[in-house]
N, C-alpha and C. Protein backbone atom coordinates (compact mmCIF):
# COMPACT_ATOMS: atom_id res chain seq x y z
N MET A 1 7.08 18.75 7.70
CA MET A 1 5.57 19.02 7.65
C MET A 1 4.90 17.93 8.53
N PHE A 2 5.15 16.64 8.40
CA PHE A 2 4.62 15.70 9.22
C PHE A 2 5.78 14.85 9.80
N ASP A 3 5.61 14.76 11.22
CA ASP A 3 6.65 14.19 12.00
C ASP A 3 6.68 12.78 12.09
N ASP A 4 5.39 12.15 12.02
CA ASP A 4 5.16 10.85 12.31
C ASP A 4 4.94 9.91 11.11
N ILE A 5 5.64 10.24 9.95
CA ILE A 5 5.28 9.44 8.76
C ILE A 5 5.65 7.90 9.08
N GLU A 6 6.70 7.64 9.78
CA GLU A 6 7.06 6.24 10.11
C GLU A 6 5.91 5.65 10.91
N HIS A 7 5.37 6.38 11.79
CA HIS A 7 4.34 5.77 12.72
C HIS A 7 3.07 5.54 11.95
N ILE A 8 2.76 6.43 11.05
CA ILE A 8 1.47 6.30 10.07
C ILE A 8 1.69 5.11 9.32
N ALA A 9 2.94 4.97 8.66
CA ALA A 9 3.24 3.90 7.78
C ALA A 9 3.18 2.47 8.58
N LYS A 10 3.63 2.49 9.82
CA LYS A 10 3.52 1.23 10.66
C LYS A 10 2.04 0.96 10.89
N VAL A 11 1.27 1.90 11.24
CA VAL A 11 -0.10 1.64 11.41
C VAL A 11 -0.84 1.08 10.22
N CYS A 12 -0.61 1.80 9.06
CA CYS A 12 -1.06 1.27 7.79
C CYS A 12 -0.72 -0.15 7.44
N HIS A 13 0.55 -0.39 7.61
CA HIS A 13 0.99 -1.77 7.32
C HIS A 13 0.33 -2.79 8.24
N GLU A 14 0.33 -2.63 9.43
CA GLU A 14 -0.25 -3.55 10.43
C GLU A 14 -1.74 -3.73 10.20
N ALA A 15 -2.48 -2.62 9.86
CA ALA A 15 -3.93 -2.77 9.49
C ALA A 15 -4.12 -3.63 8.18
N ASN A 16 -3.25 -3.40 7.23
CA ASN A 16 -3.27 -4.17 6.01
C ASN A 16 -2.93 -5.64 6.29
N LYS A 17 -2.01 -5.93 7.11
CA LYS A 17 -1.52 -7.27 7.55
C LYS A 17 -2.79 -7.97 8.23
N ALA A 18 -3.49 -7.28 9.08
CA ALA A 18 -4.55 -7.77 9.71
C ALA A 18 -5.80 -8.07 8.74
N PHE A 19 -5.95 -7.20 7.82
CA PHE A 19 -7.06 -7.28 6.80
C PHE A 19 -6.69 -8.56 5.97
N CYS A 20 -5.47 -8.71 5.51
CA CYS A 20 -5.03 -9.81 4.78
C CYS A 20 -5.29 -11.12 5.49
N GLU A 21 -4.96 -11.12 6.77
CA GLU A 21 -5.15 -12.32 7.61
C GLU A 21 -6.62 -12.65 7.79
N SER A 22 -7.38 -11.58 7.83
CA SER A 22 -8.89 -11.99 7.96
C SER A 22 -9.36 -12.66 6.68
N MET A 23 -8.63 -12.63 5.59
CA MET A 23 -9.20 -13.34 4.39
C MET A 23 -8.24 -14.47 4.15
N GLY A 24 -7.49 -14.91 5.17
CA GLY A 24 -6.77 -16.13 5.01
C GLY A 24 -5.35 -15.95 4.41
N ASP A 25 -4.96 -14.76 4.18
CA ASP A 25 -3.55 -14.52 3.65
C ASP A 25 -2.60 -14.14 4.69
N PHE A 26 -1.68 -15.09 5.15
CA PHE A 26 -0.79 -14.86 6.12
C PHE A 26 0.64 -14.66 5.64
N SER A 27 0.81 -14.13 4.41
CA SER A 27 2.09 -13.81 3.79
C SER A 27 2.65 -12.57 4.30
N GLN A 28 2.00 -11.68 4.97
CA GLN A 28 2.56 -10.41 5.44
C GLN A 28 3.31 -10.67 6.72
N VAL A 29 4.50 -9.99 6.93
CA VAL A 29 5.20 -10.11 8.14
C VAL A 29 4.94 -8.82 8.94
N GLY A 30 5.34 -8.79 10.17
CA GLY A 30 5.28 -7.49 10.93
C GLY A 30 6.17 -6.36 10.45
N TRP A 31 5.77 -5.17 10.81
CA TRP A 31 6.48 -4.04 10.44
C TRP A 31 7.91 -4.08 10.54
N ASN A 32 8.44 -4.55 11.78
CA ASN A 32 9.79 -4.72 12.03
C ASN A 32 10.58 -5.66 11.26
N ARG A 33 9.84 -6.50 10.42
CA ARG A 33 10.47 -7.51 9.64
C ARG A 33 10.30 -7.34 8.15
N ILE A 34 9.78 -6.28 7.67
CA ILE A 34 9.53 -6.01 6.30
C ILE A 34 10.79 -5.62 5.58
N PRO A 35 10.99 -5.97 4.32
CA PRO A 35 12.19 -5.56 3.64
C PRO A 35 12.18 -4.09 3.27
N LYS A 36 13.30 -3.58 2.93
CA LYS A 36 13.40 -2.07 2.70
C LYS A 36 12.55 -1.71 1.64
N TRP A 37 12.44 -2.45 0.47
CA TRP A 37 11.47 -1.93 -0.69
C TRP A 37 10.20 -1.85 -0.27
N GLN A 38 9.64 -2.74 0.73
CA GLN A 38 8.29 -2.66 1.12
C GLN A 38 8.14 -1.46 2.02
N HIS A 39 9.07 -1.21 2.94
CA HIS A 39 9.05 -0.11 3.85
C HIS A 39 9.03 1.17 2.94
N ASP A 40 9.83 1.25 1.91
CA ASP A 40 9.83 2.54 1.14
C ASP A 40 8.57 2.74 0.37
N SER A 41 7.97 1.68 -0.06
CA SER A 41 6.69 1.82 -0.74
C SER A 41 5.54 2.21 0.14
N ILE A 42 5.51 1.73 1.39
CA ILE A 42 4.44 2.22 2.22
C ILE A 42 4.72 3.50 2.61
N VAL A 43 5.89 4.03 2.97
CA VAL A 43 6.24 5.48 3.39
C VAL A 43 5.79 6.25 2.15
N GLU A 44 6.17 5.94 0.99
CA GLU A 44 5.82 6.70 -0.24
C GLU A 44 4.39 6.84 -0.26
N GLY A 45 3.61 5.78 -0.05
CA GLY A 45 2.13 5.89 -0.16
C GLY A 45 1.60 6.82 0.89
N VAL A 46 2.11 6.83 2.06
CA VAL A 46 1.70 7.77 3.21
C VAL A 46 1.99 9.19 2.77
N VAL A 47 3.18 9.45 2.24
CA VAL A 47 3.56 10.83 1.84
C VAL A 47 2.61 11.26 0.72
N PHE A 48 2.36 10.51 -0.21
CA PHE A 48 1.41 10.80 -1.27
C PHE A 48 0.06 11.25 -0.73
N ILE A 49 -0.48 10.49 0.23
CA ILE A 49 -1.84 10.89 0.68
C ILE A 49 -1.72 12.14 1.56
N LEU A 50 -0.71 12.27 2.45
CA LEU A 50 -0.49 13.47 3.23
C LEU A 50 -0.37 14.67 2.30
N SER A 51 0.38 14.53 1.20
CA SER A 51 0.55 15.59 0.30
C SER A 51 -0.67 15.97 -0.64
N ASN A 52 -1.56 14.96 -0.67
CA ASN A 52 -2.78 14.99 -1.63
C ASN A 52 -3.90 14.45 -0.96
N PRO A 53 -4.32 15.32 0.18
CA PRO A 53 -5.44 14.69 1.02
C PRO A 53 -6.80 14.57 0.25
N GLY A 54 -6.88 15.38 -0.86
CA GLY A 54 -8.15 15.28 -1.64
C GLY A 54 -8.15 14.12 -2.70
N ALA A 55 -7.00 13.45 -2.86
CA ALA A 55 -6.91 12.44 -3.85
C ALA A 55 -7.65 11.21 -3.34
N GLY A 56 -8.37 10.56 -4.18
CA GLY A 56 -9.02 9.39 -3.77
C GLY A 56 -8.26 8.07 -3.85
N PRO A 57 -8.83 6.97 -3.43
CA PRO A 57 -8.12 5.70 -3.39
C PRO A 57 -7.49 5.32 -4.87
N GLU A 58 -8.23 5.78 -5.90
CA GLU A 58 -7.64 5.39 -7.25
C GLU A 58 -6.38 6.08 -7.46
N ALA A 59 -6.32 7.37 -7.05
CA ALA A 59 -5.11 8.23 -7.29
C ALA A 59 -3.97 7.55 -6.44
N SER A 60 -4.21 7.01 -5.24
CA SER A 60 -3.26 6.49 -4.37
C SER A 60 -2.82 5.21 -5.02
N HIS A 61 -3.74 4.41 -5.61
CA HIS A 61 -3.30 3.10 -6.29
C HIS A 61 -2.45 3.46 -7.42
N ASN A 62 -2.89 4.56 -8.21
CA ASN A 62 -1.99 4.92 -9.43
C ASN A 62 -0.56 5.21 -9.01
N ALA A 63 -0.43 6.00 -7.92
CA ALA A 63 0.86 6.50 -7.46
C ALA A 63 1.66 5.21 -6.88
N TRP A 64 0.96 4.29 -6.23
CA TRP A 64 1.72 3.02 -5.91
C TRP A 64 2.21 2.18 -7.10
N MET A 65 1.31 2.11 -8.17
CA MET A 65 1.73 1.46 -9.39
C MET A 65 2.87 2.11 -10.00
N GLU A 66 2.94 3.36 -10.07
CA GLU A 66 4.08 4.13 -10.65
C GLU A 66 5.25 3.84 -9.85
N HIS A 67 5.26 3.84 -8.48
CA HIS A 67 6.37 3.49 -7.70
C HIS A 67 6.88 2.00 -8.06
N LYS A 68 6.00 1.21 -8.12
CA LYS A 68 6.33 -0.22 -8.40
C LYS A 68 7.11 -0.27 -9.84
N PHE A 69 6.49 0.36 -10.91
CA PHE A 69 6.94 0.27 -12.14
C PHE A 69 8.35 0.85 -12.21
N GLU A 70 8.54 2.04 -11.53
CA GLU A 70 9.88 2.66 -11.45
C GLU A 70 10.93 1.78 -10.83
N ASN A 71 10.43 0.82 -10.00
CA ASN A 71 11.42 -0.04 -9.29
C ASN A 71 11.46 -1.45 -9.90
N GLY A 72 11.07 -1.57 -11.20
CA GLY A 72 11.23 -2.69 -12.01
C GLY A 72 10.08 -3.81 -11.78
N TRP A 73 9.05 -3.53 -11.12
CA TRP A 73 7.99 -4.49 -11.01
C TRP A 73 7.20 -4.43 -12.14
N VAL A 74 6.48 -5.58 -12.54
CA VAL A 74 5.52 -5.83 -13.58
C VAL A 74 4.36 -6.61 -13.19
N TYR A 75 3.36 -6.56 -14.05
CA TYR A 75 2.18 -7.49 -13.63
C TYR A 75 2.48 -8.89 -13.75
N GLY A 76 1.94 -9.65 -12.88
CA GLY A 76 2.06 -11.03 -12.86
C GLY A 76 0.96 -11.58 -12.00
N PRO A 77 0.35 -12.83 -12.39
CA PRO A 77 -0.74 -13.27 -11.66
C PRO A 77 -0.61 -13.70 -10.28
N ILE A 78 0.77 -13.86 -9.89
CA ILE A 78 1.11 -14.17 -8.58
C ILE A 78 2.21 -13.14 -8.03
N LYS A 79 1.93 -12.60 -6.82
CA LYS A 79 2.95 -11.71 -6.11
C LYS A 79 4.18 -12.52 -5.82
N ASP A 80 5.25 -12.09 -6.42
CA ASP A 80 6.60 -12.72 -6.23
C ASP A 80 7.58 -11.61 -6.02
N ASN A 81 8.16 -11.55 -4.83
CA ASN A 81 9.12 -10.50 -4.57
C ASN A 81 10.48 -10.58 -5.21
N ILE A 82 10.71 -11.87 -5.57
CA ILE A 82 12.01 -12.10 -6.29
C ILE A 82 11.91 -11.60 -7.75
N SER A 83 11.00 -12.17 -8.38
CA SER A 83 10.76 -11.69 -9.91
C SER A 83 10.01 -10.34 -10.02
N LYS A 84 9.65 -9.81 -8.99
CA LYS A 84 8.99 -8.51 -8.91
C LYS A 84 7.72 -8.43 -9.86
N THR A 85 6.81 -9.47 -9.67
CA THR A 85 5.49 -9.53 -10.20
C THR A 85 4.41 -9.29 -9.16
N HIS A 86 3.34 -8.66 -9.62
CA HIS A 86 2.25 -8.40 -8.68
C HIS A 86 0.90 -8.36 -9.32
N PRO A 87 -0.14 -9.06 -8.89
CA PRO A 87 -1.38 -9.15 -9.64
C PRO A 87 -2.23 -7.80 -9.43
N CYS A 88 -1.74 -7.01 -8.59
CA CYS A 88 -2.56 -5.66 -8.43
C CYS A 88 -2.00 -4.51 -9.32
N LEU A 89 -1.04 -4.87 -10.14
CA LEU A 89 -0.50 -3.82 -11.13
C LEU A 89 -1.51 -3.68 -12.25
N VAL A 90 -2.61 -3.35 -12.10
CA VAL A 90 -3.71 -3.18 -13.00
C VAL A 90 -4.56 -1.91 -12.69
N PRO A 91 -5.32 -1.31 -13.65
CA PRO A 91 -6.06 -0.22 -13.27
C PRO A 91 -6.95 -0.44 -12.02
N PHE A 92 -7.29 0.49 -11.24
CA PHE A 92 -8.10 0.46 -10.05
C PHE A 92 -9.37 -0.32 -10.36
N GLU A 93 -9.99 0.10 -11.39
CA GLU A 93 -11.25 -0.59 -11.70
C GLU A 93 -11.23 -2.07 -11.94
N GLN A 94 -10.06 -2.57 -12.23
CA GLN A 94 -9.91 -3.99 -12.35
C GLN A 94 -9.56 -4.79 -11.12
N LEU A 95 -9.31 -4.05 -10.00
CA LEU A 95 -9.04 -4.67 -8.79
C LEU A 95 -10.27 -5.45 -8.18
N THR A 96 -10.07 -6.35 -7.33
CA THR A 96 -11.09 -7.05 -6.72
C THR A 96 -11.59 -6.11 -5.67
N PRO A 97 -12.77 -6.41 -5.07
CA PRO A 97 -13.35 -5.52 -4.10
C PRO A 97 -12.44 -5.50 -2.90
N GLU A 98 -11.85 -6.69 -2.52
CA GLU A 98 -10.91 -6.70 -1.44
C GLU A 98 -9.72 -5.87 -1.49
N HIS A 99 -9.11 -5.83 -2.82
CA HIS A 99 -7.96 -5.02 -2.98
C HIS A 99 -8.41 -3.49 -3.12
N LYS A 100 -9.47 -3.22 -3.60
CA LYS A 100 -9.95 -1.79 -3.53
C LYS A 100 -10.15 -1.27 -2.10
N ALA A 101 -10.61 -2.33 -1.28
CA ALA A 101 -10.85 -1.98 0.07
C ALA A 101 -9.51 -1.62 0.85
N LYS A 102 -8.45 -2.35 0.52
CA LYS A 102 -7.25 -2.06 0.96
C LYS A 102 -6.73 -0.69 0.75
N ASP A 103 -7.04 -0.14 -0.47
CA ASP A 103 -6.71 1.26 -0.75
C ASP A 103 -7.53 2.24 0.12
N HIS A 104 -8.83 1.88 0.23
CA HIS A 104 -9.67 2.85 0.99
C HIS A 104 -9.13 2.76 2.60
N ILE A 105 -8.94 1.65 2.98
CA ILE A 105 -8.51 1.59 4.54
C ILE A 105 -7.19 2.31 4.68
N PHE A 106 -6.16 2.09 3.77
CA PHE A 106 -4.92 2.72 3.84
C PHE A 106 -5.08 4.29 3.87
N ARG A 107 -5.95 4.72 2.95
CA ARG A 107 -6.12 6.21 2.83
C ARG A 107 -6.84 6.62 3.96
N GLY A 108 -7.89 5.94 4.47
CA GLY A 108 -8.55 6.35 5.63
C GLY A 108 -7.77 6.54 6.97
N ILE A 109 -6.77 5.61 7.07
CA ILE A 109 -5.93 5.68 8.22
C ILE A 109 -4.96 6.88 8.04
N VAL A 110 -4.48 7.01 7.07
CA VAL A 110 -3.52 8.24 6.77
C VAL A 110 -4.31 9.60 7.16
N LEU A 111 -5.53 9.68 6.52
CA LEU A 111 -6.27 10.90 6.73
C LEU A 111 -6.71 11.06 8.20
N SER A 112 -6.90 10.01 8.90
CA SER A 112 -7.24 10.08 10.33
C SER A 112 -6.21 10.82 11.15
N PHE A 113 -4.89 10.81 10.72
CA PHE A 113 -3.86 11.51 11.45
C PHE A 113 -3.88 13.04 11.09
N LEU A 114 -4.60 13.45 10.14
CA LEU A 114 -4.80 14.88 9.85
C LEU A 114 -5.84 15.53 10.63
N LYS A 115 -6.69 14.75 11.36
CA LYS A 115 -7.82 15.35 11.92
C LYS A 115 -7.52 15.71 13.45
C-alpha cells in the first residue's frame, strides 16, 4: 500500500532528533545508527498513522505505548534503554507540551506523505 515507509520513518526520526536537539537533548543518534527496537517502533508508528489517518496524536501516542508495553517497557522517570523505562509511558494528557508536540510533528510528517 505504501512503498516508502522506511523513508517516512527516517524523516520522522530525523525531525524528532532535531526537535530534541533544539531543546538541548542530544541523546538521539542518526537514523543509520539507531538500534533495531527503535527502528521497529518508529516504523510501527508510521504504519499506524498511514492506516489510521483520521486518528489524532493521542491515538498515535496510545499505539506507541501499547507497542512499548508489549516489548517489556515500563514507566520510569528516566529513559533507560537497558532497563526499558521511559518517562512518556503515561496518558497523553500527562505529557509535557514538548512531548505532545513530538506526537503532533510525527503525525504531521506522516500525513504530509499522503497529500
